[in-house]
Amino acid sequence: MKEAMFHCPVEAALSLIGGKYKCIIIWHLMQRTHRYGELHRLIPQATPKMLTQQLRELEADGVIHRKVYPVVPPRTEYSLTEFGKSLTPVVQAICDWGKANMKDRILPDPHEDQQEGF
C-alpha cells in the first residue's frame, strides 16, 4: 500500500478503489482469476494504457496478485489477494446500490451469464 496519510477512513478506502476502473476490475476478479485480455474484453471502454495503469496500482497496493507464467507467448493472470478479497462486501454493496438506484442508466451486460451474483 502507498505510504500516504489520510484525513478520514473514506479517503483512505477511496485511495484503493477510487481509480477510473479499479472497482470494475475488482468486481470481475471477485468472480474468478482473469488474464489481461479477458479483463480488456470485459472492460472495453478502458484503453490498454489505462487498464495497465489501474492493474499496476492495484498490485502495488496489495489488492491484486499478478502471476506471470514462463511460457511463450507470455501468460499473465490476475487474482485478488486476501486483502483484495476483503473488499468484496464493499464492491458488492456498490453493485447492489447501482442495481437498485441506477436501473435506467445501466446497459444490458453482454457478459451477464458469466458473472455470478450480478
PDB file of N, CA and C in Angstrom:
ATOM      1  N   MET A   1       0.837  -1.167   0.000  1.00  0.00           N
ATOM      2  CA  MET A   1       0.000   0.000   0.000  1.00  0.00           C
ATOM      3  C   MET A   1       0.887   1.237   0.000  1.00  0.00           C
ATOM      4  N   LYS A   2       0.395   2.311  -0.607  1.00  0.00           N
ATOM      5  CA  LYS A   2       1.143   3.555  -0.662  1.00  0.00           C
ATOM      6  C   LYS A   2       1.313   4.108   0.744  1.00  0.00           C
ATOM      7  N   GLU A   3       2.415   4.788   0.962  1.00  0.00           N
ATOM      8  CA  GLU A   3       2.708   5.372   2.268  1.00  0.00           C
ATOM      9  C   GLU A   3       2.095   6.763   2.354  1.00  0.00           C
ATOM     10  N   ALA A   4       0.805   6.870   2.266  1.00  0.00           N
ATOM     11  CA  ALA A   4       0.119   8.156   2.345  1.00  0.00           C
ATOM     12  C   ALA A   4      -0.667   8.226   3.644  1.00  0.00           C
ATOM     13  N   MET A   5      -0.860   9.427   4.103  1.00  0.00           N
ATOM     14  CA  MET A   5      -1.677   9.654   5.292  1.00  0.00           C
ATOM     15  C   MET A   5      -2.991  10.275   4.827  1.00  0.00           C
ATOM     16  N   PHE A   6      -4.078   9.905   5.481  1.00  0.00           N
ATOM     17  CA  PHE A   6      -5.392  10.366   5.057  1.00  0.00           C
ATOM     18  C   PHE A   6      -6.093  11.080   6.194  1.00  0.00           C
ATOM     19  N   HIS A   7      -7.027  11.942   5.830  1.00  0.00           N
ATOM     20  CA  HIS A   7      -7.767  12.718   6.815  1.00  0.00           C
ATOM     21  C   HIS A   7      -8.992  11.985   7.350  1.00  0.00           C
ATOM     22  N   CYS A   8      -9.463  10.975   6.610  1.00  0.00           N
ATOM     23  CA  CYS A   8     -10.611  10.203   7.087  1.00  0.00           C
ATOM     24  C   CYS A   8     -10.589   8.812   6.462  1.00  0.00           C
ATOM     25  N   PRO A   9     -11.315   7.858   7.045  1.00  0.00           N
ATOM     26  CA  PRO A   9     -11.317   6.487   6.529  1.00  0.00           C
ATOM     27  C   PRO A   9     -11.881   6.374   5.111  1.00  0.00           C
ATOM     28  N   VAL A  10     -12.846   7.229   4.765  1.00  0.00           N
ATOM     29  CA  VAL A  10     -13.413   7.180   3.411  1.00  0.00           C
ATOM     30  C   VAL A  10     -12.339   7.540   2.391  1.00  0.00           C
ATOM     31  N   GLU A  11     -11.568   8.560   2.693  1.00  0.00           N
ATOM     32  CA  GLU A  11     -10.474   8.967   1.813  1.00  0.00           C
ATOM     33  C   GLU A  11      -9.474   7.823   1.644  1.00  0.00           C
ATOM     34  N   ALA A  12      -9.161   7.138   2.724  1.00  0.00           N
ATOM     35  CA  ALA A  12      -8.228   6.010   2.670  1.00  0.00           C
ATOM     36  C   ALA A  12      -8.784   4.888   1.794  1.00  0.00           C
ATOM     37  N   ALA A  13     -10.055   4.555   1.984  1.00  0.00           N
ATOM     38  CA  ALA A  13     -10.672   3.481   1.196  1.00  0.00           C
ATOM     39  C   ALA A  13     -10.734   3.854  -0.278  1.00  0.00           C
ATOM     40  N   LEU A  14     -11.111   5.090  -0.568  1.00  0.00           N
ATOM     41  CA  LEU A  14     -11.205   5.514  -1.960  1.00  0.00           C
ATOM     42  C   LEU A  14      -9.845   5.570  -2.644  1.00  0.00           C
ATOM     43  N   SER A  15      -8.788   5.721  -1.864  1.00  0.00           N
ATOM     44  CA  SER A  15      -7.459   5.704  -2.474  1.00  0.00           C
ATOM     45  C   SER A  15      -7.169   4.337  -3.096  1.00  0.00           C
ATOM     46  N   LEU A  16      -7.806   3.295  -2.580  1.00  0.00           N
ATOM     47  CA  LEU A  16      -7.618   1.945  -3.127  1.00  0.00           C
ATOM     48  C   LEU A  16      -8.547   1.646  -4.290  1.00  0.00           C
ATOM     49  N   ILE A  17      -9.805   2.041  -4.194  1.00  0.00           N
ATOM     50  CA  ILE A  17     -10.789   1.627  -5.201  1.00  0.00           C
ATOM     51  C   ILE A  17     -11.306   2.779  -6.042  1.00  0.00           C
ATOM     52  N   GLY A  18     -10.785   3.985  -5.837  1.00  0.00           N
ATOM     53  CA  GLY A  18     -11.325   5.166  -6.498  1.00  0.00           C
ATOM     54  C   GLY A  18     -10.832   5.433  -7.897  1.00  0.00           C
ATOM     55  N   GLY A  19      -9.948   4.620  -8.440  1.00  0.00           N
ATOM     56  CA  GLY A  19      -9.485   4.832  -9.806  1.00  0.00           C
ATOM     57  C   GLY A  19     -10.600   4.596 -10.807  1.00  0.00           C
ATOM     58  N   LYS A  20     -10.399   5.074 -12.020  1.00  0.00           N
ATOM     59  CA  LYS A  20     -11.446   5.024 -13.038  1.00  0.00           C
ATOM     60  C   LYS A  20     -12.024   3.619 -13.243  1.00  0.00           C
ATOM     61  N   TYR A  21     -11.184   2.595 -13.238  1.00  0.00           N
ATOM     62  CA  TYR A  21     -11.664   1.233 -13.487  1.00  0.00           C
ATOM     63  C   TYR A  21     -11.347   0.255 -12.361  1.00  0.00           C
ATOM     64  N   LYS A  22     -10.785   0.730 -11.265  1.00  0.00           N
ATOM     65  CA  LYS A  22     -10.353  -0.172 -10.196  1.00  0.00           C
ATOM     66  C   LYS A  22     -11.493  -0.997  -9.617  1.00  0.00           C
ATOM     67  N   CYS A  23     -12.593  -0.368  -9.324  1.00  0.00           N
ATOM     68  CA  CYS A  23     -13.716  -1.094  -8.727  1.00  0.00           C
ATOM     69  C   CYS A  23     -14.266  -2.133  -9.711  1.00  0.00           C
ATOM     70  N   ILE A  24     -14.280  -1.785 -10.986  1.00  0.00           N
ATOM     71  CA  ILE A  24     -14.769  -2.713 -12.011  1.00  0.00           C
ATOM     72  C   ILE A  24     -13.813  -3.901 -12.135  1.00  0.00           C
ATOM     73  N   ILE A  25     -12.523  -3.629 -12.096  1.00  0.00           N
ATOM     74  CA  ILE A  25     -11.529  -4.710 -12.137  1.00  0.00           C
ATOM     75  C   ILE A  25     -11.728  -5.633 -10.939  1.00  0.00           C
ATOM     76  N   ILE A  26     -11.863  -5.042  -9.767  1.00  0.00           N
ATOM     77  CA  ILE A  26     -12.073  -5.846  -8.556  1.00  0.00           C
ATOM     78  C   ILE A  26     -13.337  -6.682  -8.698  1.00  0.00           C
ATOM     79  N   TRP A  27     -14.414  -6.088  -9.223  1.00  0.00           N
ATOM     80  CA  TRP A  27     -15.675  -6.814  -9.415  1.00  0.00           C
ATOM     81  C   TRP A  27     -15.448  -8.069 -10.256  1.00  0.00           C
ATOM     82  N   HIS A  28     -14.750  -7.915 -11.379  1.00  0.00           N
ATOM     83  CA  HIS A  28     -14.517  -9.068 -12.255  1.00  0.00           C
ATOM     84  C   HIS A  28     -13.605 -10.103 -11.596  1.00  0.00           C
ATOM     85  N   LEU A  29     -12.620  -9.640 -10.833  1.00  0.00           N
ATOM     86  CA  LEU A  29     -11.726 -10.587 -10.158  1.00  0.00           C
ATOM     87  C   LEU A  29     -12.391 -11.253  -8.963  1.00  0.00           C
ATOM     88  N   MET A  30     -13.478 -10.686  -8.469  1.00  0.00           N
ATOM     89  CA  MET A  30     -14.258 -11.356  -7.419  1.00  0.00           C
ATOM     90  C   MET A  30     -14.871 -12.641  -7.973  1.00  0.00           C
ATOM     91  N   GLN A  31     -15.146 -12.655  -9.266  1.00  0.00           N
ATOM     92  CA  GLN A  31     -15.785 -13.807  -9.894  1.00  0.00           C
ATOM     93  C   GLN A  31     -14.784 -14.946 -10.101  1.00  0.00           C
ATOM     94  N   ARG A  32     -13.574 -14.572 -10.600  1.00  0.00           N
ATOM     95  CA  ARG A  32     -12.537 -15.576 -10.861  1.00  0.00           C
ATOM     96  C   ARG A  32     -11.259 -14.880 -11.310  1.00  0.00           C
ATOM     97  N   THR A  33     -10.191 -15.665 -11.444  1.00  0.00           N
ATOM     98  CA  THR A  33      -8.924 -15.172 -11.982  1.00  0.00           C
ATOM     99  C   THR A  33      -9.112 -14.859 -13.460  1.00  0.00           C
ATOM    100  N   HIS A  34      -8.482 -13.773 -13.912  1.00  0.00           N
ATOM    101  CA  HIS A  34      -8.579 -13.389 -15.320  1.00  0.00           C
ATOM    102  C   HIS A  34      -7.210 -13.055 -15.882  1.00  0.00           C
ATOM    103  N   ARG A  35      -7.074 -13.285 -17.175  1.00  0.00           N
ATOM    104  CA  ARG A  35      -5.902 -12.831 -17.907  1.00  0.00           C
ATOM    105  C   ARG A  35      -6.160 -11.403 -18.373  1.00  0.00           C
ATOM    106  N   TYR A  36      -5.081 -10.711 -18.769  1.00  0.00           N
ATOM    107  CA  TYR A  36      -5.201  -9.313 -19.192  1.00  0.00           C
ATOM    108  C   TYR A  36      -6.222  -9.167 -20.323  1.00  0.00           C
ATOM    109  N   GLY A  37      -6.111  -9.998 -21.337  1.00  0.00           N
ATOM    110  CA  GLY A  37      -7.018  -9.904 -22.484  1.00  0.00           C
ATOM    111  C   GLY A  37      -8.474 -10.101 -22.096  1.00  0.00           C
ATOM    112  N   GLU A  38      -8.721 -10.989 -21.150  1.00  0.00           N
ATOM    113  CA  GLU A  38     -10.090 -11.200 -20.670  1.00  0.00           C
ATOM    114  C   GLU A  38     -10.608  -9.946 -19.982  1.00  0.00           C
ATOM    115  N   LEU A  39      -9.769  -9.345 -19.144  1.00  0.00           N
ATOM    116  CA  LEU A  39     -10.189  -8.119 -18.461  1.00  0.00           C
ATOM    117  C   LEU A  39     -10.461  -7.012 -19.472  1.00  0.00           C
ATOM    118  N   HIS A  40      -9.629  -6.931 -20.502  1.00  0.00           N
ATOM    119  CA  HIS A  40      -9.840  -5.888 -21.508  1.00  0.00           C
ATOM    120  C   HIS A  40     -11.148  -6.116 -22.260  1.00  0.00           C
ATOM    121  N   ARG A  41     -11.485  -7.351 -22.539  1.00  0.00           N
ATOM    122  CA  ARG A  41     -12.770  -7.639 -23.198  1.00  0.00           C
ATOM    123  C   ARG A  41     -13.946  -7.334 -22.269  1.00  0.00           C
ATOM    124  N   LEU A  42     -13.773  -7.577 -20.972  1.00  0.00           N
ATOM    125  CA  LEU A  42     -14.836  -7.303 -20.007  1.00  0.00           C
ATOM    126  C   LEU A  42     -15.006  -5.805 -19.741  1.00  0.00           C
ATOM    127  N   ILE A  43     -13.939  -5.029 -19.960  1.00  0.00           N
ATOM    128  CA  ILE A  43     -13.964  -3.582 -19.726  1.00  0.00           C
ATOM    129  C   ILE A  43     -13.498  -2.897 -21.016  1.00  0.00           C
ATOM    130  N   PRO A  44     -14.281  -2.986 -22.099  1.00  0.00           N
ATOM    131  CA  PRO A  44     -13.825  -2.487 -23.401  1.00  0.00           C
ATOM    132  C   PRO A  44     -13.620  -0.975 -23.449  1.00  0.00           C
ATOM    133  N   GLN A  45     -14.258  -0.239 -22.553  1.00  0.00           N
ATOM    134  CA  GLN A  45     -14.106   1.211 -22.549  1.00  0.00           C
ATOM    135  C   GLN A  45     -12.747   1.653 -22.008  1.00  0.00           C
ATOM    136  N   ALA A  46     -12.018   0.762 -21.364  1.00  0.00           N
ATOM    137  CA  ALA A  46     -10.690   1.080 -20.831  1.00  0.00           C
ATOM    138  C   ALA A  46      -9.653   0.942 -21.939  1.00  0.00           C
ATOM    139  N   THR A  47      -8.838   1.963 -22.112  1.00  0.00           N
ATOM    140  CA  THR A  47      -7.745   1.849 -23.072  1.00  0.00           C
ATOM    141  C   THR A  47      -6.709   0.887 -22.495  1.00  0.00           C
ATOM    142  N   PRO A  48      -5.918   0.258 -23.347  1.00  0.00           N
ATOM    143  CA  PRO A  48      -4.880  -0.638 -22.824  1.00  0.00           C
ATOM    144  C   PRO A  48      -3.961   0.064 -21.818  1.00  0.00           C
ATOM    145  N   LYS A  49      -3.599   1.307 -22.101  1.00  0.00           N
ATOM    146  CA  LYS A  49      -2.720   2.056 -21.194  1.00  0.00           C
ATOM    147  C   LYS A  49      -3.377   2.261 -19.832  1.00  0.00           C
ATOM    148  N   MET A  50      -4.653   2.655 -19.837  1.00  0.00           N
ATOM    149  CA  MET A  50      -5.359   2.913 -18.577  1.00  0.00           C
ATOM    150  C   MET A  50      -5.575   1.620 -17.797  1.00  0.00           C
ATOM    151  N   LEU A  51      -5.940   0.543 -18.493  1.00  0.00           N
ATOM    152  CA  LEU A  51      -6.145  -0.735 -17.813  1.00  0.00           C
ATOM    153  C   LEU A  51      -4.840  -1.207 -17.168  1.00  0.00           C
ATOM    154  N   THR A  52      -3.750  -1.106 -17.907  1.00  0.00           N
ATOM    155  CA  THR A  52      -2.447  -1.495 -17.363  1.00  0.00           C
ATOM    156  C   THR A  52      -2.093  -0.656 -16.143  1.00  0.00           C
ATOM    157  N   GLN A  53      -2.331   0.641 -16.219  1.00  0.00           N
ATOM    158  CA  GLN A  53      -2.032   1.535 -15.092  1.00  0.00           C
ATOM    159  C   GLN A  53      -2.846   1.162 -13.859  1.00  0.00           C
ATOM    160  N   GLN A  54      -4.138   0.913 -14.057  1.00  0.00           N
ATOM    161  CA  GLN A  54      -5.004   0.564 -12.934  1.00  0.00           C
ATOM    162  C   GLN A  54      -4.585  -0.770 -12.318  1.00  0.00           C
ATOM    163  N   LEU A  55      -4.236  -1.745 -13.161  1.00  0.00           N
ATOM    164  CA  LEU A  55      -3.771  -3.041 -12.662  1.00  0.00           C
ATOM    165  C   LEU A  55      -2.477  -2.888 -11.865  1.00  0.00           C
ATOM    166  N   ARG A  56      -1.564  -2.072 -12.355  1.00  0.00           N
ATOM    167  CA  ARG A  56      -0.298  -1.853 -11.637  1.00  0.00           C
ATOM    168  C   ARG A  56      -0.536  -1.205 -10.280  1.00  0.00           C
ATOM    169  N   GLU A  57      -1.443  -0.224 -10.235  1.00  0.00           N
ATOM    170  CA  GLU A  57      -1.736   0.441  -8.965  1.00  0.00           C
ATOM    171  C   GLU A  57      -2.378  -0.525  -7.975  1.00  0.00           C
ATOM    172  N   LEU A  58      -3.310  -1.343  -8.454  1.00  0.00           N
ATOM    173  CA  LEU A  58      -3.945  -2.326  -7.574  1.00  0.00           C
ATOM    174  C   LEU A  58      -2.922  -3.338  -7.060  1.00  0.00           C
ATOM    175  N   GLU A  59      -1.996  -3.727  -7.924  1.00  0.00           N
ATOM    176  CA  GLU A  59      -0.944  -4.655  -7.495  1.00  0.00           C
ATOM    177  C   GLU A  59      -0.028  -3.986  -6.469  1.00  0.00           C
ATOM    178  N   ALA A  60       0.366  -2.745  -6.723  1.00  0.00           N
ATOM    179  CA  ALA A  60       1.245  -2.022  -5.796  1.00  0.00           C
ATOM    180  C   ALA A  60       0.589  -1.833  -4.430  1.00  0.00           C
ATOM    181  N   ASP A  61      -0.740  -1.695  -4.419  1.00  0.00           N
ATOM    182  CA  ASP A  61      -1.474  -1.513  -3.165  1.00  0.00           C
ATOM    183  C   ASP A  61      -1.809  -2.833  -2.479  1.00  0.00           C
ATOM    184  N   GLY A  62      -1.411  -3.951  -3.092  1.00  0.00           N
ATOM    185  CA  GLY A  62      -1.642  -5.253  -2.472  1.00  0.00           C
ATOM    186  C   GLY A  62      -3.053  -5.784  -2.626  1.00  0.00           C
ATOM    187  N   VAL A  63      -3.816  -5.215  -3.565  1.00  0.00           N
ATOM    188  CA  VAL A  63      -5.205  -5.636  -3.774  1.00  0.00           C
ATOM    189  C   VAL A  63      -5.273  -6.842  -4.705  1.00  0.00           C
ATOM    190  N   ILE A  64      -4.415  -6.860  -5.716  1.00  0.00           N
ATOM    191  CA  ILE A  64      -4.410  -7.976  -6.662  1.00  0.00           C
ATOM    192  C   ILE A  64      -3.021  -8.600  -6.726  1.00  0.00           C
ATOM    193  N   HIS A  65      -3.010  -9.840  -7.193  1.00  0.00           N
ATOM    194  CA  HIS A  65      -1.764 -10.579  -7.406  1.00  0.00           C
ATOM    195  C   HIS A  65      -1.613 -10.788  -8.904  1.00  0.00           C
ATOM    196  N   ARG A  66      -0.427 -10.524  -9.407  1.00  0.00           N
ATOM    197  CA  ARG A  66      -0.115 -10.718 -10.821  1.00  0.00           C
ATOM    198  C   ARG A  66       0.825 -11.907 -10.923  1.00  0.00           C
ATOM    199  N   LYS A  67       0.392 -12.939 -11.642  1.00  0.00           N
ATOM    200  CA  LYS A  67       1.220 -14.138 -11.803  1.00  0.00           C
ATOM    201  C   LYS A  67       1.614 -14.258 -13.271  1.00  0.00           C
ATOM    202  N   VAL A  68       2.916 -14.281 -13.506  1.00  0.00           N
ATOM    203  CA  VAL A  68       3.448 -14.408 -14.861  1.00  0.00           C
ATOM    204  C   VAL A  68       3.980 -15.822 -15.026  1.00  0.00           C
ATOM    205  N   TYR A  69       3.509 -16.499 -16.064  1.00  0.00           N
ATOM    206  CA  TYR A  69       3.959 -17.861 -16.348  1.00  0.00           C
ATOM    207  C   TYR A  69       5.097 -17.806 -17.367  1.00  0.00           C
ATOM    208  N   PRO A  70       6.171 -18.556 -17.132  1.00  0.00           N
ATOM    209  CA  PRO A  70       7.327 -18.533 -18.042  1.00  0.00           C
ATOM    210  C   PRO A  70       7.097 -19.402 -19.281  1.00  0.00           C
ATOM    211  N   VAL A  71       6.163 -18.975 -20.103  1.00  0.00           N
ATOM    212  CA  VAL A  71       5.849 -19.708 -21.329  1.00  0.00           C
ATOM    213  C   VAL A  71       5.908 -18.732 -22.501  1.00  0.00           C
ATOM    214  N   VAL A  72       5.946 -19.284 -23.706  1.00  0.00           N
ATOM    215  CA  VAL A  72       5.921 -18.469 -24.911  1.00  0.00           C
ATOM    216  C   VAL A  72       4.653 -18.819 -25.661  1.00  0.00           C
ATOM    217  N   PRO A  73       3.805 -17.845 -25.971  1.00  0.00           N
ATOM    218  CA  PRO A  73       3.883 -16.441 -25.572  1.00  0.00           C
ATOM    219  C   PRO A  73       3.613 -16.287 -24.074  1.00  0.00           C
ATOM    220  N   PRO A  74       4.075 -15.169 -23.499  1.00  0.00           N
ATOM    221  CA  PRO A  74       3.899 -14.956 -22.057  1.00  0.00           C
ATOM    222  C   PRO A  74       2.425 -14.995 -21.654  1.00  0.00           C
ATOM    223  N   ARG A  75       2.173 -15.535 -20.486  1.00  0.00           N
ATOM    224  CA  ARG A  75       0.807 -15.597 -19.956  1.00  0.00           C
ATOM    225  C   ARG A  75       0.819 -14.967 -18.574  1.00  0.00           C
ATOM    226  N   THR A  76      -0.083 -14.016 -18.373  1.00  0.00           N
ATOM    227  CA  THR A  76      -0.186 -13.319 -17.092  1.00  0.00           C
ATOM    228  C   THR A  76      -1.611 -13.428 -16.592  1.00  0.00           C
ATOM    229  N   GLU A  77      -1.757 -13.781 -15.329  1.00  0.00           N
ATOM    230  CA  GLU A  77      -3.079 -13.880 -14.710  1.00  0.00           C
ATOM    231  C   GLU A  77      -3.158 -12.956 -13.508  1.00  0.00           C
ATOM    232  N   TYR A  78      -4.348 -12.420 -13.297  1.00  0.00           N
ATOM    233  CA  TYR A  78      -4.605 -11.532 -12.170  1.00  0.00           C
ATOM    234  C   TYR A  78      -5.668 -12.149 -11.278  1.00  0.00           C
ATOM    235  N   SER A  79      -5.444 -12.040  -9.968  1.00  0.00           N
ATOM    236  CA  SER A  79      -6.413 -12.536  -8.987  1.00  0.00           C
ATOM    237  C   SER A  79      -6.382 -11.610  -7.780  1.00  0.00           C
ATOM    238  N   LEU A  80      -7.411 -11.710  -6.956  1.00  0.00           N
ATOM    239  CA  LEU A  80      -7.456 -10.911  -5.735  1.00  0.00           C
ATOM    240  C   LEU A  80      -6.568 -11.539  -4.664  1.00  0.00           C
ATOM    241  N   THR A  81      -5.880 -10.705  -3.921  1.00  0.00           N
ATOM    242  CA  THR A  81      -5.155 -11.162  -2.738  1.00  0.00           C
ATOM    243  C   THR A  81      -6.176 -11.310  -1.607  1.00  0.00           C
ATOM    244  N   GLU A  82      -5.747 -11.813  -0.476  1.00  0.00           N
ATOM    245  CA  GLU A  82      -6.655 -11.873   0.680  1.00  0.00           C
ATOM    246  C   GLU A  82      -7.116 -10.466   1.056  1.00  0.00           C
ATOM    247  N   PHE A  83      -6.200  -9.515   0.989  1.00  0.00           N
ATOM    248  CA  PHE A  83      -6.552  -8.117   1.257  1.00  0.00           C
ATOM    249  C   PHE A  83      -7.593  -7.638   0.247  1.00  0.00           C
ATOM    250  N   GLY A  84      -7.394  -7.982  -1.025  1.00  0.00           N
ATOM    251  CA  GLY A  84      -8.349  -7.615  -2.064  1.00  0.00           C
ATOM    252  C   GLY A  84      -9.708  -8.261  -1.847  1.00  0.00           C
ATOM    253  N   LYS A  85      -9.702  -9.515  -1.396  1.00  0.00           N
ATOM    254  CA  LYS A  85     -10.968 -10.210  -1.126  1.00  0.00           C
ATOM    255  C   LYS A  85     -11.745  -9.531  -0.007  1.00  0.00           C
ATOM    256  N   SER A  86     -11.035  -8.826   0.877  1.00  0.00           N
ATOM    257  CA  SER A  86     -11.736  -8.120   1.960  1.00  0.00           C
ATOM    258  C   SER A  86     -12.577  -6.963   1.430  1.00  0.00           C
ATOM    259  N   LEU A  87     -12.356  -6.568   0.174  1.00  0.00           N
ATOM    260  CA  LEU A  87     -13.157  -5.512  -0.455  1.00  0.00           C
ATOM    261  C   LEU A  87     -14.462  -6.050  -1.047  1.00  0.00           C
ATOM    262  N   THR A  88     -14.636  -7.368  -1.057  1.00  0.00           N
ATOM    263  CA  THR A  88     -15.824  -7.974  -1.662  1.00  0.00           C
ATOM    264  C   THR A  88     -17.131  -7.377  -1.145  1.00  0.00           C
ATOM    265  N   PRO A  89     -17.351  -7.245   0.168  1.00  0.00           N
ATOM    266  CA  PRO A  89     -18.628  -6.680   0.613  1.00  0.00           C
ATOM    267  C   PRO A  89     -18.814  -5.224   0.189  1.00  0.00           C
ATOM    268  N   VAL A  90     -17.731  -4.489   0.087  1.00  0.00           N
ATOM    269  CA  VAL A  90     -17.816  -3.088  -0.332  1.00  0.00           C
ATOM    270  C   VAL A  90     -18.243  -3.007  -1.790  1.00  0.00           C
ATOM    271  N   VAL A  91     -17.577  -3.769  -2.646  1.00  0.00           N
ATOM    272  CA  VAL A  91     -17.885  -3.752  -4.073  1.00  0.00           C
ATOM    273  C   VAL A  91     -19.278  -4.327  -4.317  1.00  0.00           C
ATOM    274  N   GLN A  92     -19.654  -5.369  -3.582  1.00  0.00           N
ATOM    275  CA  GLN A  92     -20.999  -5.931  -3.716  1.00  0.00           C
ATOM    276  C   GLN A  92     -22.053  -4.904  -3.318  1.00  0.00           C
ATOM    277  N   ALA A  93     -21.796  -4.135  -2.265  1.00  0.00           N
ATOM    278  CA  ALA A  93     -22.736  -3.092  -1.837  1.00  0.00           C
ATOM    279  C   ALA A  93     -22.875  -2.018  -2.911  1.00  0.00           C
ATOM    280  N   ILE A  94     -21.771  -1.655  -3.560  1.00  0.00           N
ATOM    281  CA  ILE A  94     -21.837  -0.676  -4.651  1.00  0.00           C
ATOM    282  C   ILE A  94     -22.668  -1.239  -5.795  1.00  0.00           C
ATOM    283  N   CYS A  95     -22.466  -2.508  -6.118  1.00  0.00           N
ATOM    284  CA  CYS A  95     -23.245  -3.166  -7.172  1.00  0.00           C
ATOM    285  C   CYS A  95     -24.728  -3.178  -6.822  1.00  0.00           C
ATOM    286  N   ASP A  96     -25.042  -3.567  -5.611  1.00  0.00           N
ATOM    287  CA  ASP A  96     -26.443  -3.625  -5.179  1.00  0.00           C
ATOM    288  C   ASP A  96     -27.090  -2.245  -5.233  1.00  0.00           C
ATOM    289  N   TRP A  97     -26.367  -1.222  -4.791  1.00  0.00           N
ATOM    290  CA  TRP A  97     -26.895   0.140  -4.833  1.00  0.00           C
ATOM    291  C   TRP A  97     -27.139   0.558  -6.279  1.00  0.00           C
ATOM    292  N   GLY A  98     -26.190   0.244  -7.160  1.00  0.00           N
ATOM    293  CA  GLY A  98     -26.343   0.585  -8.571  1.00  0.00           C
ATOM    294  C   GLY A  98     -27.556  -0.081  -9.193  1.00  0.00           C
ATOM    295  N   LYS A  99     -27.756  -1.359  -8.886  1.00  0.00           N
ATOM    296  CA  LYS A  99     -28.925  -2.068  -9.431  1.00  0.00           C
ATOM    297  C   LYS A  99     -30.220  -1.466  -8.910  1.00  0.00           C
ATOM    298  N   ALA A 100     -30.246  -1.071  -7.647  1.00  0.00           N
ATOM    299  CA  ALA A 100     -31.468  -0.547  -7.037  1.00  0.00           C
ATOM    300  C   ALA A 100     -31.773   0.888  -7.453  1.00  0.00           C
ATOM    301  N   ASN A 101     -30.754   1.685  -7.717  1.00  0.00           N
ATOM    302  CA  ASN A 101     -30.968   3.113  -7.914  1.00  0.00           C
ATOM    303  C   ASN A 101     -30.596   3.659  -9.281  1.00  0.00           C
ATOM    304  N   MET A 102     -29.949   2.876 -10.100  1.00  0.00           N
ATOM    305  CA  MET A 102     -29.485   3.377 -11.389  1.00  0.00           C
ATOM    306  C   MET A 102     -29.966   2.523 -12.559  1.00  0.00           C
ATOM    307  N   LYS A 103     -31.080   1.830 -12.392  1.00  0.00           N
ATOM    308  CA  LYS A 103     -31.572   0.909 -13.417  1.00  0.00           C
ATOM    309  C   LYS A 103     -31.690   1.562 -14.785  1.00  0.00           C
ATOM    310  N   ASP A 104     -32.156   2.802 -14.820  1.00  0.00           N
ATOM    311  CA  ASP A 104     -32.373   3.479 -16.092  1.00  0.00           C
ATOM    312  C   ASP A 104     -31.069   3.903 -16.763  1.00  0.00           C
ATOM    313  N   ARG A 105     -29.944   3.756 -16.102  1.00  0.00           N
ATOM    314  CA  ARG A 105     -28.653   4.161 -16.663  1.00  0.00           C
ATOM    315  C   ARG A 105     -27.719   2.983 -16.934  1.00  0.00           C
ATOM    316  N   ILE A 106     -28.152   1.773 -16.635  1.00  0.00           N
ATOM    317  CA  ILE A 106     -27.289   0.602 -16.795  1.00  0.00           C
ATOM    318  C   ILE A 106     -27.651  -0.120 -18.084  1.00  0.00           C
ATOM    319  N   LEU A 107     -26.663  -0.269 -18.970  1.00  0.00           N
ATOM    320  CA  LEU A 107     -26.862  -1.005 -20.211  1.00  0.00           C
ATOM    321  C   LEU A 107     -26.918  -2.496 -19.912  1.00  0.00           C
ATOM    322  N   PRO A 108     -27.609  -3.264 -20.748  1.00  0.00           N
ATOM    323  CA  PRO A 108     -27.580  -4.717 -20.560  1.00  0.00           C
ATOM    324  C   PRO A 108     -26.138  -5.212 -20.668  1.00  0.00           C
ATOM    325  N   ASP A 109     -25.752  -6.116 -19.805  1.00  0.00           N
ATOM    326  CA  ASP A 109     -24.383  -6.625 -19.769  1.00  0.00           C
ATOM    327  C   ASP A 109     -24.265  -7.838 -20.682  1.00  0.00           C
ATOM    328  N   PRO A 110     -23.432  -7.747 -21.744  1.00  0.00           N
ATOM    329  CA  PRO A 110     -23.283  -8.892 -22.643  1.00  0.00           C
ATOM    330  C   PRO A 110     -22.608 -10.087 -21.980  1.00  0.00           C
ATOM    331  N   HIS A 111     -21.973  -9.877 -20.826  1.00  0.00           N
ATOM    332  CA  HIS A 111     -21.282 -10.956 -20.115  1.00  0.00           C
ATOM    333  C   HIS A 111     -22.070 -11.429 -18.900  1.00  0.00           C
ATOM    334  N   GLU A 112     -23.312 -10.988 -18.769  1.00  0.00           N
ATOM    335  CA  GLU A 112     -24.087 -11.261 -17.557  1.00  0.00           C
ATOM    336  C   GLU A 112     -24.162 -12.740 -17.228  1.00  0.00           C
ATOM    337  N   ASP A 113     -24.227 -13.588 -18.249  1.00  0.00           N
ATOM    338  CA  ASP A 113     -24.310 -15.022 -17.988  1.00  0.00           C
ATOM    339  C   ASP A 113     -23.014 -15.571 -17.399  1.00  0.00           C
ATOM    340  N   GLN A 114     -21.909 -14.802 -17.508  1.00  0.00           N
ATOM    341  CA  GLN A 114     -20.623 -15.245 -16.972  1.00  0.00           C
ATOM    342  C   GLN A 114     -20.395 -14.749 -15.556  1.00  0.00           C
ATOM    343  N   GLN A 115     -21.211 -13.804 -15.081  1.00  0.00           N
ATOM    344  CA  GLN A 115     -20.976 -13.189 -13.779  1.00  0.00           C
ATOM    345  C   GLN A 115     -21.920 -13.760 -12.748  1.00  0.00           C
ATOM    346  N   GLU A 116     -21.347 -14.186 -11.654  1.00  0.00           N
ATOM    347  CA  GLU A 116     -22.151 -14.703 -10.561  1.00  0.00           C
ATOM    348  C   GLU A 116     -22.571 -13.554  -9.675  1.00  0.00           C
ATOM    349  N   GLY A 117     -23.809 -13.547  -9.257  1.00  0.00           N
ATOM    350  CA  GLY A 117     -24.258 -12.570  -8.287  1.00  0.00           C
ATOM    351  C   GLY A 117     -24.596 -11.213  -8.836  1.00  0.00           C
ATOM    352  N   PHE A 118     -24.439 -10.975 -10.135  1.00  0.00           N
ATOM    353  CA  PHE A 118     -24.731  -9.655 -10.684  1.00  0.00           C
ATOM    354  C   PHE A 118     -26.147  -9.580 -11.151  1.00  0.00           C
TER     355      PHE A 118
END
